[in-house]
Amino acid sequence: MKVAVVGATGLVGTRMLQVLEEHRFPVTELIPVASEKSIGRKVSFNGREWTVVSAEDAIAAKPALALFSAGGGTSEELAPRFAAAGCRVVDNSSFWRMDPTKKLVVPEINSDVITRDDMIIANPNCSTIQMVLPLAPLHKAFRIRRIVVSTYQSVTGAGYKAINQMNAERKGETEYEMKFPYRIDQNVLPHIDSFLDNGYTKEEMKMVNETRKILGDESIAITATTVRVPVQGGHSESVNLEFEKPFTVEEARKLMSGMPGVTVQDDPAHNIYPMPLEAWGKDDVFVGRIRRDESIANGLNLWCVSDNIRKGAATNAVQIAEVLLKKGFIG
């Protein structure tokens, strides 16, 4: 099977190659695609070197599948062209996510929505993916009325330039490229993506809108505050829930424990709770600090952590590809 990875030299693109290898996805020919300045570079995959090519050459090669992680503008321009050539596209950018004609998929939750007609499938935002995984079984059982979420997001979510900025600041360097508007090392920025007229950022509204679409319920009230923290691996989230139905904490814990892709780490008496340092390099969403919100009738607090580059991006995309393979839509 010919598989293209668009944005193959970027942070998420390189992790996509790694996850494809780990999952032993049946790639017979890799077609790495990147910007013009990267054409001709080599990337390693399955024990050999592959040459980065242009998007034009990739489309001409007629791959069966293309995994995109190259930004919204690139996806807007190229995803329809790949699809027109008969290639299934799984897109990691935000461009197609809220398009009513495109499916937004977390495979453990809603892979059933993918049909043979879907040529472009959207991969959700990293912070949305890790929140909805543990919430999906809770919503089904108790019906979520309201979500209040605050995120603590790794610099890896902003790419190589962000990592380089933090590392340069930690070394005390004075000459470096700024990815963020302020210093990030030893600092916290309540600012991810651009601000909108309503005072929220695009990242915050992604969590609101994408959560409703994935869970299939526009009635859920959601408010988010997204924050960048000086951590290199993994996003963390403090999530407060209000349910319509009564519940017990043990019921909630059991439901989340039984959700594929979720690992409960919740033993505060022994200082066991999720941390980004431990989640880095793993595919699961880790949940802990599970406790009743005593300020409201049917409230629950939890803390969830996940590797934003893996499950939050690359792994989820490969899992969507595996759904396409299992359904016989590619191969």
C-alpha atoms as a PDB file:
ATOM      1  CA  MET A   1       0.000   0.000   0.000  1.00  0.00           C
ATOM      2  CA  LYS A   2       1.289   3.437  -0.936  1.00  0.00           C
ATOM      3  CA  VAL A   3       1.038   5.832   2.024  1.00  0.00           C
ATOM      4  CA  ALA A   4       1.860   9.531   1.896  1.00  0.00           C
ATOM      5  CA  VAL A   5       2.751  11.535   5.003  1.00  0.00           C
ATOM      6  CA  VAL A   6       2.343  15.240   4.313  1.00  0.00           C
ATOM      7  CA  GLY A   7       4.506  17.219   6.714  1.00  0.00           C
ATOM      8  CA  ALA A   8       6.805  14.227   7.175  1.00  0.00           C
ATOM      9  CA  THR A   9       9.735  16.255   8.557  1.00  0.00           C
ATOM     10  CA  GLY A  10       7.721  18.080  11.231  1.00  0.00           C
ATOM     11  CA  LEU A  11       7.280  17.131  14.875  1.00  0.00           C
ATOM     12  CA  VAL A  12       3.957  15.325  14.365  1.00  0.00           C
ATOM     13  CA  GLY A  13       4.916  13.965  10.942  1.00  0.00           C
ATOM     14  CA  THR A  14       8.007  12.225  12.287  1.00  0.00           C
ATOM     15  CA  ARG A  15       5.921  10.738  15.086  1.00  0.00           C
ATOM     16  CA  MET A  16       3.379   9.520  12.517  1.00  0.00           C
ATOM     17  CA  LEU A  17       6.169   7.564  10.823  1.00  0.00           C
ATOM     18  CA  GLN A  18       7.154   6.092  14.179  1.00  0.00           C
ATOM     19  CA  VAL A  19       3.581   5.062  15.037  1.00  0.00           C
ATOM     20  CA  LEU A  20       3.018   3.548  11.575  1.00  0.00           C
ATOM     21  CA  GLU A  21       6.089   1.401  12.229  1.00  0.00           C
ATOM     22  CA  GLU A  22       5.037   0.451  15.748  1.00  0.00           C
ATOM     23  CA  HIS A  23       1.521  -0.491  14.635  1.00  0.00           C
ATOM     24  CA  ARG A  24       2.964  -2.442  11.693  1.00  0.00           C
ATOM     25  CA  PHE A  25       0.650  -0.654   9.302  1.00  0.00           C
ATOM     26  CA  PRO A  26       0.970  -2.382   5.909  1.00  0.00           C
ATOM     27  CA  VAL A  27       2.989   0.280   4.083  1.00  0.00           C
ATOM     28  CA  THR A  28       4.691  -1.061   0.958  1.00  0.00           C
ATOM     29  CA  GLU A  29       5.778   2.354  -0.317  1.00  0.00           C
ATOM     30  CA  LEU A  30       6.195   5.476   1.788  1.00  0.00           C
ATOM     31  CA  ILE A  31       5.760   8.857   0.102  1.00  0.00           C
ATOM     32  CA  PRO A  32       7.091  11.544   2.463  1.00  0.00           C
ATOM     33  CA  VAL A  33       5.961  15.056   1.543  1.00  0.00           C
ATOM     34  CA  ALA A  34       7.237  18.334   2.962  1.00  0.00           C
ATOM     35  CA  SER A  35       7.764  21.974   2.025  1.00  0.00           C
ATOM     36  CA  GLU A  36       9.917  22.941  -0.936  1.00  0.00           C
ATOM     37  CA  LYS A  37      13.004  23.533   1.223  1.00  0.00           C
ATOM     38  CA  SER A  38      12.858  19.920   2.471  1.00  0.00           C
ATOM     39  CA  ILE A  39      12.458  18.208  -0.909  1.00  0.00           C
ATOM     40  CA  GLY A  40      15.310  15.755  -1.421  1.00  0.00           C
ATOM     41  CA  ARG A  41      15.883  15.165   2.285  1.00  0.00           C
ATOM     42  CA  LYS A  42      15.817  11.608   3.580  1.00  0.00           C
ATOM     43  CA  VAL A  43      13.565  10.174   6.264  1.00  0.00           C
ATOM     44  CA  SER A  44      13.935   6.766   7.885  1.00  0.00           C
ATOM     45  CA  PHE A  45      11.071   4.310   7.918  1.00  0.00           C
ATOM     46  CA  ASN A  46      10.950   0.530   8.291  1.00  0.00           C
ATOM     47  CA  GLY A  47      14.695   0.149   8.066  1.00  0.00           C
ATOM     48  CA  ARG A  48      15.335   2.170   4.936  1.00  0.00           C
ATOM     49  CA  GLU A  49      15.676   5.729   3.713  1.00  0.00           C
ATOM     50  CA  TRP A  50      12.906   7.444   1.736  1.00  0.00           C
ATOM     51  CA  THR A  51      13.291  10.686  -0.224  1.00  0.00           C
ATOM     52  CA  VAL A  52      11.027  13.633   0.521  1.00  0.00           C
ATOM     53  CA  VAL A  53       9.068  14.674  -2.562  1.00  0.00           C
ATOM     54  CA  SER A  54       6.749  17.490  -3.573  1.00  0.00           C
ATOM     55  CA  ALA A  55       2.988  17.328  -3.177  1.00  0.00           C
ATOM     56  CA  GLU A  56       2.658  17.230  -6.974  1.00  0.00           C
ATOM     57  CA  ASP A  57       4.825  14.119  -7.190  1.00  0.00           C
ATOM     58  CA  ALA A  58       2.962  12.518  -4.309  1.00  0.00           C
ATOM     59  CA  ILE A  59      -0.435  13.044  -5.934  1.00  0.00           C
ATOM     60  CA  ALA A  60       0.888  11.664  -9.211  1.00  0.00           C
ATOM     61  CA  ALA A  61       2.008   8.518  -7.362  1.00  0.00           C
ATOM     62  CA  LYS A  62      -1.646   7.880  -6.394  1.00  0.00           C
ATOM     63  CA  PRO A  63      -1.283   6.775  -2.765  1.00  0.00           C
ATOM     64  CA  ALA A  64      -4.158   4.915  -1.135  1.00  0.00           C
ATOM     65  CA  LEU A  65      -3.795   6.936   2.067  1.00  0.00           C
ATOM     66  CA  ALA A  66      -2.375  10.312   3.070  1.00  0.00           C
ATOM     67  CA  LEU A  67      -1.786  11.408   6.649  1.00  0.00           C
ATOM     68  CA  PHE A  68      -1.621  15.211   6.831  1.00  0.00           C
ATOM     69  CA  SER A  69       0.154  17.270   9.463  1.00  0.00           C
ATOM     70  CA  ALA A  70       1.216  20.393   7.641  1.00  0.00           C
ATOM     71  CA  GLY A  71      -1.124  23.182   8.771  1.00  0.00           C
ATOM     72  CA  GLY A  72      -4.573  24.364   7.807  1.00  0.00           C
ATOM     73  CA  GLY A  73      -3.591  26.231   4.662  1.00  0.00           C
ATOM     74  CA  THR A  74      -1.829  23.198   3.230  1.00  0.00           C
ATOM     75  CA  SER A  75      -4.778  20.959   4.103  1.00  0.00           C
ATOM     76  CA  GLU A  76      -7.240  23.364   2.527  1.00  0.00           C
ATOM     77  CA  GLU A  77      -5.283  23.370  -0.719  1.00  0.00           C
ATOM     78  CA  LEU A  78      -3.995  19.813  -0.972  1.00  0.00           C
ATOM     79  CA  ALA A  79      -6.419  17.504   0.828  1.00  0.00           C
ATOM     80  CA  PRO A  80      -9.135  17.861  -1.872  1.00  0.00           C
ATOM     81  CA  ARG A  81      -6.534  17.231  -4.585  1.00  0.00           C
ATOM     82  CA  PHE A  82      -5.339  14.032  -2.935  1.00  0.00           C
ATOM     83  CA  ALA A  83      -8.968  12.977  -2.438  1.00  0.00           C
ATOM     84  CA  ALA A  84      -9.793  13.705  -6.078  1.00  0.00           C
ATOM     85  CA  ALA A  85      -6.991  11.314  -7.034  1.00  0.00           C
ATOM     86  CA  GLY A  86      -8.716   8.549  -5.058  1.00  0.00           C
ATOM     87  CA  CYS A  87      -6.628   8.913  -1.893  1.00  0.00           C
ATOM     88  CA  ARG A  88      -8.167   8.776   1.591  1.00  0.00           C
ATOM     89  CA  VAL A  89      -6.959  11.707   3.680  1.00  0.00           C
ATOM     90  CA  VAL A  90      -6.685  11.830   7.474  1.00  0.00           C
ATOM     91  CA  ASP A  91      -6.036  15.473   8.316  1.00  0.00           C
ATOM     92  CA  ASN A  92      -4.500  16.650  11.573  1.00  0.00           C
ATOM     93  CA  SER A  93      -5.069  20.373  11.006  1.00  0.00           C
ATOM     94  CA  SER A  94      -8.059  22.321  12.269  1.00  0.00           C
ATOM     95  CA  PHE A  95      -9.277  23.215   8.781  1.00  0.00           C
ATOM     96  CA  TRP A  96     -11.839  20.433   8.191  1.00  0.00           C
ATOM     97  CA  ARG A  97     -12.870  19.641  11.760  1.00  0.00           C
ATOM     98  CA  MET A  98     -16.024  21.710  11.949  1.00  0.00           C
ATOM     99  CA  ASP A  99     -16.994  21.252   8.299  1.00  0.00           C
ATOM    100  CA  PRO A 100     -20.470  19.647   8.505  1.00  0.00           C
ATOM    101  CA  THR A 101     -19.608  17.408   5.547  1.00  0.00           C
ATOM    102  CA  LYS A 102     -16.493  15.952   7.260  1.00  0.00           C
ATOM    103  CA  LYS A 103     -16.305  13.412  10.074  1.00  0.00           C
ATOM    104  CA  LEU A 104     -14.354  14.275  13.235  1.00  0.00           C
ATOM    105  CA  VAL A 105     -13.164  11.004  14.706  1.00  0.00           C
ATOM    106  CA  VAL A 106     -11.712   9.538  17.877  1.00  0.00           C
ATOM    107  CA  PRO A 107     -11.818   5.831  16.921  1.00  0.00           C
ATOM    108  CA  GLU A 108     -12.613   4.491  20.412  1.00  0.00           C
ATOM    109  CA  ILE A 109     -15.681   6.747  20.496  1.00  0.00           C
ATOM    110  CA  ASN A 110     -17.194   7.227  17.043  1.00  0.00           C
ATOM    111  CA  SER A 111     -15.414   5.186  14.351  1.00  0.00           C
ATOM    112  CA  ASP A 112     -18.867   3.978  13.272  1.00  0.00           C
ATOM    113  CA  VAL A 113     -19.537   7.366  11.614  1.00  0.00           C
ATOM    114  CA  ILE A 114     -16.917   6.710   8.893  1.00  0.00           C
ATOM    115  CA  THR A 115     -18.447   5.597   5.603  1.00  0.00           C
ATOM    116  CA  ARG A 116     -17.116   4.674   2.173  1.00  0.00           C
ATOM    117  CA  ASP A 117     -18.016   8.166   0.959  1.00  0.00           C
ATOM    118  CA  ASP A 118     -15.635   9.859   3.401  1.00  0.00           C
ATOM    119  CA  MET A 119     -12.485  10.785   1.497  1.00  0.00           C
ATOM    120  CA  ILE A 120     -11.291  13.433   3.985  1.00  0.00           C
ATOM    121  CA  ILE A 121     -11.526  12.633   7.707  1.00  0.00           C
ATOM    122  CA  ALA A 122     -10.565  15.141  10.384  1.00  0.00           C
ATOM    123  CA  ASN A 123      -8.327  14.355  13.352  1.00  0.00           C
ATOM    124  CA  PRO A 124      -9.452  16.367  16.425  1.00  0.00           C
ATOM    125  CA  ASN A 125      -7.414  18.827  18.438  1.00  0.00           C
ATOM    126  CA  CYS A 126      -4.959  17.202  20.856  1.00  0.00           C
ATOM    127  CA  SER A 127      -6.515  18.694  23.979  1.00  0.00           C
ATOM    128  CA  THR A 128      -9.988  17.666  22.809  1.00  0.00           C
ATOM    129  CA  ILE A 129      -9.000  14.052  22.138  1.00  0.00           C
ATOM    130  CA  GLN A 130      -7.590  13.445  25.601  1.00  0.00           C
ATOM    131  CA  MET A 131     -10.634  14.998  27.285  1.00  0.00           C
ATOM    132  CA  VAL A 132     -13.388  13.241  25.340  1.00  0.00           C
ATOM    133  CA  LEU A 133     -11.899   9.737  25.719  1.00  0.00           C
ATOM    134  CA  PRO A 134     -12.632   9.422  29.453  1.00  0.00           C
ATOM    135  CA  LEU A 135     -15.756  11.584  29.168  1.00  0.00           C
ATOM    136  CA  ALA A 136     -17.514   9.526  26.473  1.00  0.00           C
ATOM    137  CA  PRO A 137     -18.624   6.649  28.739  1.00  0.00           C
ATOM    138  CA  LEU A 138     -19.593   9.116  31.480  1.00  0.00           C
ATOM    139  CA  HIS A 139     -21.771  11.069  29.065  1.00  0.00           C
ATOM    140  CA  LYS A 140     -23.461   7.897  27.887  1.00  0.00           C
ATOM    141  CA  ALA A 141     -24.223   6.804  31.443  1.00  0.00           C
ATOM    142  CA  PHE A 142     -25.021  10.064  33.252  1.00  0.00           C
ATOM    143  CA  ARG A 143     -25.396  12.682  30.488  1.00  0.00           C
ATOM    144  CA  ILE A 144     -23.017  15.608  30.873  1.00  0.00           C
ATOM    145  CA  ARG A 145     -24.755  18.940  31.363  1.00  0.00           C
ATOM    146  CA  ARG A 146     -21.670  21.163  31.703  1.00  0.00           C
ATOM    147  CA  ILE A 147     -17.873  20.942  31.332  1.00  0.00           C
ATOM    148  CA  VAL A 148     -15.361  23.400  32.782  1.00  0.00           C
ATOM    149  CA  VAL A 149     -11.828  22.595  31.632  1.00  0.00           C
ATOM    150  CA  SER A 150      -8.462  24.241  32.189  1.00  0.00           C
ATOM    151  CA  THR A 151      -5.488  22.907  30.264  1.00  0.00           C
ATOM    152  CA  TYR A 152      -1.759  22.860  31.009  1.00  0.00           C
ATOM    153  CA  GLN A 153      -0.291  22.321  27.553  1.00  0.00           C
ATOM    154  CA  SER A 154       3.243  21.310  26.659  1.00  0.00           C
ATOM    155  CA  VAL A 155       5.436  23.416  24.394  1.00  0.00           C
ATOM    156  CA  THR A 156       5.563  20.417  22.024  1.00  0.00           C
ATOM    157  CA  GLY A 157       2.065  21.390  20.951  1.00  0.00           C
ATOM    158  CA  ALA A 158       3.593  24.433  19.258  1.00  0.00           C
ATOM    159  CA  GLY A 159       6.283  22.524  17.341  1.00  0.00           C
ATOM    160  CA  TYR A 160      10.061  22.554  17.093  1.00  0.00           C
ATOM    161  CA  LYS A 161      10.383  26.351  17.339  1.00  0.00           C
ATOM    162  CA  ALA A 162       8.626  26.310  20.709  1.00  0.00           C
ATOM    163  CA  ILE A 163      10.895  23.575  22.057  1.00  0.00           C
ATOM    164  CA  ASN A 164      13.937  25.460  20.800  1.00  0.00           C
ATOM    165  CA  GLN A 165      12.782  28.679  22.455  1.00  0.00           C
ATOM    166  CA  MET A 166      12.306  27.017  25.840  1.00  0.00           C
ATOM    167  CA  ASN A 167      15.622  25.171  25.660  1.00  0.00           C
ATOM    168  CA  ALA A 168      17.476  28.351  24.645  1.00  0.00           C
ATOM    169  CA  GLU A 169      15.937  30.238  27.572  1.00  0.00           C
ATOM    170  CA  ARG A 170      16.928  27.457  29.968  1.00  0.00           C
ATOM    171  CA  LYS A 171      20.513  27.647  28.730  1.00  0.00           C
ATOM    172  CA  GLY A 172      20.573  31.411  29.217  1.00  0.00           C
ATOM    173  CA  GLU A 173      21.049  32.143  25.525  1.00  0.00           C
ATOM    174  CA  THR A 174      20.227  35.633  24.324  1.00  0.00           C
ATOM    175  CA  GLU A 175      19.892  35.047  20.575  1.00  0.00           C
ATOM    176  CA  TYR A 176      17.055  32.741  19.566  1.00  0.00           C
ATOM    177  CA  GLU A 177      13.822  32.729  17.570  1.00  0.00           C
ATOM    178  CA  MET A 178      10.711  33.521  19.616  1.00  0.00           C
ATOM    179  CA  LYS A 179       7.741  31.227  19.013  1.00  0.00           C
ATOM    180  CA  PHE A 180       5.735  32.709  21.881  1.00  0.00           C
ATOM    181  CA  PRO A 181       5.142  36.437  22.555  1.00  0.00           C
ATOM    182  CA  TYR A 182       6.884  36.083  25.932  1.00  0.00           C
ATOM    183  CA  ARG A 183       9.444  33.927  27.667  1.00  0.00           C
ATOM    184  CA  ILE A 184       8.044  30.434  28.307  1.00  0.00           C
ATOM    185  CA  ASP A 185      10.702  28.961  30.620  1.00  0.00           C
ATOM    186  CA  GLN A 186       9.740  29.606  34.261  1.00  0.00           C
ATOM    187  CA  ASN A 187       6.536  31.178  32.992  1.00  0.00           C
ATOM    188  CA  VAL A 188       2.916  30.291  32.198  1.00  0.00           C
ATOM    189  CA  LEU A 189       1.037  31.792  29.239  1.00  0.00           C
ATOM    190  CA  PRO A 190      -2.802  31.814  29.329  1.00  0.00           C
ATOM    191  CA  HIS A 191      -2.740  32.115  25.561  1.00  0.00           C
ATOM    192  CA  ILE A 192      -2.833  29.308  22.976  1.00  0.00           C
ATOM    193  CA  ASP A 193      -3.644  30.291  19.373  1.00  0.00           C
ATOM    194  CA  SER A 194      -5.118  33.694  18.550  1.00  0.00           C
ATOM    195  CA  PHE A 195      -7.745  35.596  20.523  1.00  0.00           C
ATOM    196  CA  LEU A 196     -11.288  35.906  19.171  1.00  0.00           C
ATOM    197  CA  ASP A 197     -13.882  38.650  19.557  1.00  0.00           C
ATOM    198  CA  ASN A 198     -15.548  36.804  22.461  1.00  0.00           C
ATOM    199  CA  GLY A 199     -12.325  36.922  24.510  1.00  0.00           C
ATOM    200  CA  TYR A 200     -11.615  33.225  24.118  1.00  0.00           C
ATOM    201  CA  THR A 201      -8.776  31.824  22.020  1.00  0.00           C
ATOM    202  CA  LYS A 202      -9.221  29.611  18.992  1.00  0.00           C
ATOM    203  CA  GLU A 203      -7.806  26.702  21.009  1.00  0.00           C
ATOM    204  CA  GLU A 204     -10.474  27.184  23.671  1.00  0.00           C
ATOM    205  CA  MET A 205     -13.285  27.301  21.131  1.00  0.00           C
ATOM    206  CA  LYS A 206     -11.881  24.203  19.397  1.00  0.00           C
ATOM    207  CA  MET A 207     -12.392  22.298  22.640  1.00  0.00           C
ATOM    208  CA  VAL A 208     -15.952  23.594  22.922  1.00  0.00           C
ATOM    209  CA  ASN A 209     -17.050  22.911  19.362  1.00  0.00           C
ATOM    210  CA  GLU A 210     -15.128  19.690  18.732  1.00  0.00           C
ATOM    211  CA  THR A 211     -16.285  18.067  21.970  1.00  0.00           C
ATOM    212  CA  ARG A 212     -19.927  18.617  21.038  1.00  0.00           C
ATOM    213  CA  LYS A 213     -19.370  17.225  17.555  1.00  0.00           C
ATOM    214  CA  ILE A 214     -17.500  14.099  18.698  1.00  0.00           C
ATOM    215  CA  LEU A 215     -19.977  13.303  21.488  1.00  0.00           C
ATOM    216  CA  GLY A 216     -22.870  14.137  19.171  1.00  0.00           C
ATOM    217  CA  ASP A 217     -24.560  16.504  21.605  1.00  0.00           C
ATOM    218  CA  GLU A 218     -24.857  20.239  20.948  1.00  0.00           C
ATOM    219  CA  SER A 219     -26.612  20.785  24.285  1.00  0.00           C
ATOM    220  CA  ILE A 220     -23.487  20.328  26.436  1.00  0.00           C
ATOM    221  CA  ALA A 221     -22.421  23.629  28.019  1.00  0.00           C
ATOM    222  CA  ILE A 222     -18.625  23.911  27.797  1.00  0.00           C
ATOM    223  CA  THR A 223     -16.134  26.566  28.826  1.00  0.00           C
ATOM    224  CA  ALA A 224     -12.365  26.262  28.482  1.00  0.00           C
ATOM    225  CA  THR A 225      -9.178  28.073  29.475  1.00  0.00           C
ATOM    226  CA  THR A 226      -6.084  26.832  27.652  1.00  0.00           C
ATOM    227  CA  VAL A 227      -2.643  27.520  29.092  1.00  0.00           C
ATOM    228  CA  ARG A 228       0.915  26.917  27.828  1.00  0.00           C
ATOM    229  CA  VAL A 229       3.323  25.609  30.470  1.00  0.00           C
ATOM    230  CA  PRO A 230       7.119  25.032  30.318  1.00  0.00           C
ATOM    231  CA  VAL A 231       6.848  21.252  29.944  1.00  0.00           C
ATOM    232  CA  GLN A 232       8.288  19.358  26.982  1.00  0.00           C
ATOM    233  CA  GLY A 233       6.157  16.223  27.004  1.00  0.00           C
ATOM    234  CA  GLY A 234       2.416  15.898  27.385  1.00  0.00           C
ATOM    235  CA  HIS A 235      -0.698  17.954  28.037  1.00  0.00           C
ATOM    236  CA  SER A 236      -2.577  17.989  31.347  1.00  0.00           C
ATOM    237  CA  GLU A 237      -6.182  19.010  32.002  1.00  0.00           C
ATOM    238  CA  SER A 238      -8.293  19.801  35.029  1.00  0.00           C
ATOM    239  CA  VAL A 239     -11.866  18.835  34.148  1.00  0.00           C
ATOM    240  CA  ASN A 240     -15.006  19.667  36.125  1.00  0.00           C
ATOM    241  CA  LEU A 241     -18.238  17.959  35.110  1.00  0.00           C
ATOM    242  CA  GLU A 242     -21.880  18.424  35.981  1.00  0.00           C
ATOM    243  CA  PHE A 243     -24.190  15.506  35.136  1.00  0.00           C
ATOM    244  CA  GLU A 244     -27.933  15.377  34.671  1.00  0.00           C
ATOM    245  CA  LYS A 245     -28.195  12.024  36.469  1.00  0.00           C
ATOM    246  CA  PRO A 246     -26.939  11.002  39.904  1.00  0.00           C
ATOM    247  CA  PHE A 247     -23.801   8.857  40.050  1.00  0.00           C
ATOM    248  CA  THR A 248     -21.246   7.407  42.417  1.00  0.00           C
ATOM    249  CA  VAL A 249     -17.532   8.106  42.147  1.00  0.00           C
ATOM    250  CA  GLU A 250     -16.886   4.375  41.985  1.00  0.00           C
ATOM    251  CA  GLU A 251     -19.283   4.039  39.013  1.00  0.00           C
ATOM    252  CA  ALA A 252     -17.460   6.855  37.215  1.00  0.00           C
ATOM    253  CA  ARG A 253     -14.059   5.316  37.947  1.00  0.00           C
ATOM    254  CA  LYS A 254     -15.207   1.913  36.683  1.00  0.00           C
ATOM    255  CA  LEU A 255     -16.626   3.374  33.463  1.00  0.00           C
ATOM    256  CA  MET A 256     -13.418   5.250  32.690  1.00  0.00           C
ATOM    257  CA  SER A 257     -11.289   2.190  33.545  1.00  0.00           C
ATOM    258  CA  GLY A 258     -13.270   0.161  31.029  1.00  0.00           C
ATOM    259  CA  MET A 259     -12.833   2.670  28.208  1.00  0.00           C
ATOM    260  CA  PRO A 260     -10.272   1.540  25.588  1.00  0.00           C
ATOM    261  CA  GLY A 261      -7.323   3.902  25.539  1.00  0.00           C
ATOM    262  CA  VAL A 262      -7.860   5.125  29.116  1.00  0.00           C
ATOM    263  CA  THR A 263      -5.734   4.153  32.125  1.00  0.00           C
ATOM    264  CA  VAL A 264      -6.884   5.186  35.586  1.00  0.00           C
ATOM    265  CA  GLN A 265      -4.070   6.173  37.968  1.00  0.00           C
ATOM    266  CA  ASP A 266      -5.916   7.235  41.077  1.00  0.00           C
ATOM    267  CA  ASP A 267      -4.434   6.415  44.466  1.00  0.00           C
ATOM    268  CA  PRO A 268      -3.720   9.760  46.137  1.00  0.00           C
ATOM    269  CA  ALA A 269      -2.898   8.072  49.467  1.00  0.00           C
ATOM    270  CA  HIS A 270       0.234   6.740  47.758  1.00  0.00           C
ATOM    271  CA  ASN A 271       0.825   9.841  45.589  1.00  0.00           C
ATOM    272  CA  ILE A 272      -0.361   8.039  42.457  1.00  0.00           C
ATOM    273  CA  TYR A 273      -1.856  10.378  39.875  1.00  0.00           C
ATOM    274  CA  PRO A 274      -1.154  11.152  36.196  1.00  0.00           C
ATOM    275  CA  MET A 275       1.831  13.310  35.257  1.00  0.00           C
ATOM    276  CA  PRO A 276       3.087  14.391  31.822  1.00  0.00           C
ATOM    277  CA  LEU A 277       6.564  13.077  32.604  1.00  0.00           C
ATOM    278  CA  GLU A 278       5.116   9.558  32.906  1.00  0.00           C
ATOM    279  CA  ALA A 279       2.644   9.856  30.007  1.00  0.00           C
ATOM    280  CA  TRP A 280       5.291  10.907  27.478  1.00  0.00           C
ATOM    281  CA  GLY A 281       5.879   8.242  24.848  1.00  0.00           C
ATOM    282  CA  LYS A 282       2.661   6.365  25.626  1.00  0.00           C
ATOM    283  CA  ASP A 283      -0.633   6.201  23.739  1.00  0.00           C
ATOM    284  CA  ASP A 284      -3.184   6.100  26.571  1.00  0.00           C
ATOM    285  CA  VAL A 285      -4.970   8.948  28.300  1.00  0.00           C
ATOM    286  CA  PHE A 286      -4.225   8.747  32.026  1.00  0.00           C
ATOM    287  CA  VAL A 287      -6.913   9.817  34.513  1.00  0.00           C
ATOM    288  CA  GLY A 288      -6.692  10.487  38.231  1.00  0.00           C
ATOM    289  CA  ARG A 289      -7.704  12.824  41.081  1.00  0.00           C
ATOM    290  CA  ILE A 290     -11.231  11.476  40.540  1.00  0.00           C
ATOM    291  CA  ARG A 291     -13.481  12.996  43.180  1.00  0.00           C
ATOM    292  CA  ARG A 292     -16.949  14.362  43.681  1.00  0.00           C
ATOM    293  CA  ASP A 293     -17.464  18.097  43.302  1.00  0.00           C
ATOM    294  CA  GLU A 294     -19.180  18.805  46.593  1.00  0.00           C
ATOM    295  CA  SER A 295     -20.335  22.271  45.504  1.00  0.00           C
ATOM    296  CA  ILE A 296     -23.085  20.938  43.191  1.00  0.00           C
ATOM    297  CA  ALA A 297     -25.525  18.012  43.190  1.00  0.00           C
ATOM    298  CA  ASN A 298     -24.055  15.884  40.388  1.00  0.00           C
ATOM    299  CA  GLY A 299     -20.502  17.150  39.995  1.00  0.00           C
ATOM    300  CA  LEU A 300     -17.230  15.333  39.351  1.00  0.00           C
ATOM    301  CA  ASN A 301     -13.616  16.505  39.165  1.00  0.00           C
ATOM    302  CA  LEU A 302     -10.848  14.686  37.360  1.00  0.00           C
ATOM    303  CA  TRP A 303      -7.320  15.240  36.079  1.00  0.00           C
ATOM    304  CA  CYS A 304      -6.232  13.765  32.745  1.00  0.00           C
ATOM    305  CA  VAL A 305      -2.833  13.645  31.056  1.00  0.00           C
ATOM    306  CA  SER A 306      -1.734  12.420  27.635  1.00  0.00           C
ATOM    307  CA  ASP A 307       1.165  12.592  25.185  1.00  0.00           C
ATOM    308  CA  ASN A 308      -0.182  15.272  22.871  1.00  0.00           C
ATOM    309  CA  ILE A 309       2.037  14.286  19.953  1.00  0.00           C
ATOM    310  CA  ARG A 310       1.039  10.617  20.108  1.00  0.00           C
ATOM    311  CA  LYS A 311      -2.635  10.100  21.066  1.00  0.00           C
ATOM    312  CA  GLY A 312      -3.263  13.807  20.631  1.00  0.00           C
ATOM    313  CA  ALA A 313      -2.131  13.698  17.001  1.00  0.00           C
ATOM    314  CA  ALA A 314      -0.083  10.914  15.372  1.00  0.00           C
ATOM    315  CA  THR A 315      -1.545   7.844  17.061  1.00  0.00           C
ATOM    316  CA  ASN A 316      -5.144   8.957  16.647  1.00  0.00           C
ATOM    317  CA  ALA A 317      -4.505   9.564  12.932  1.00  0.00           C
ATOM    318  CA  VAL A 318      -2.983   6.102  12.478  1.00  0.00           C
ATOM    319  CA  GLN A 319      -5.891   4.565  14.393  1.00  0.00           C
ATOM    320  CA  ILE A 320      -8.300   6.249  11.965  1.00  0.00           C
ATOM    321  CA  ALA A 321      -6.266   4.737   9.123  1.00  0.00           C
ATOM    322  CA  GLU A 322      -6.599   1.338  10.795  1.00  0.00           C
ATOM    323  CA  VAL A 323     -10.389   1.788  10.850  1.00  0.00           C
ATOM    324  CA  LEU A 324     -10.319   2.543   7.119  1.00  0.00           C
ATOM    325  CA  LEU A 325      -8.271  -0.612   6.576  1.00  0.00           C
ATOM    326  CA  LYS A 326     -10.551  -2.772   8.711  1.00  0.00           C
ATOM    327  CA  LYS A 327     -13.636  -1.499   6.891  1.00  0.00           C
ATOM    328  CA  GLY A 328     -12.034  -2.282   3.547  1.00  0.00           C
ATOM    329  CA  PHE A 329     -11.957   1.334   2.381  1.00  0.00           C
ATOM    330  CA  ILE A 330      -8.204   1.190   1.718  1.00  0.00           C
ATOM    331  CA  GLY A 331      -5.817  -1.656   0.982  1.00  0.00           C
END
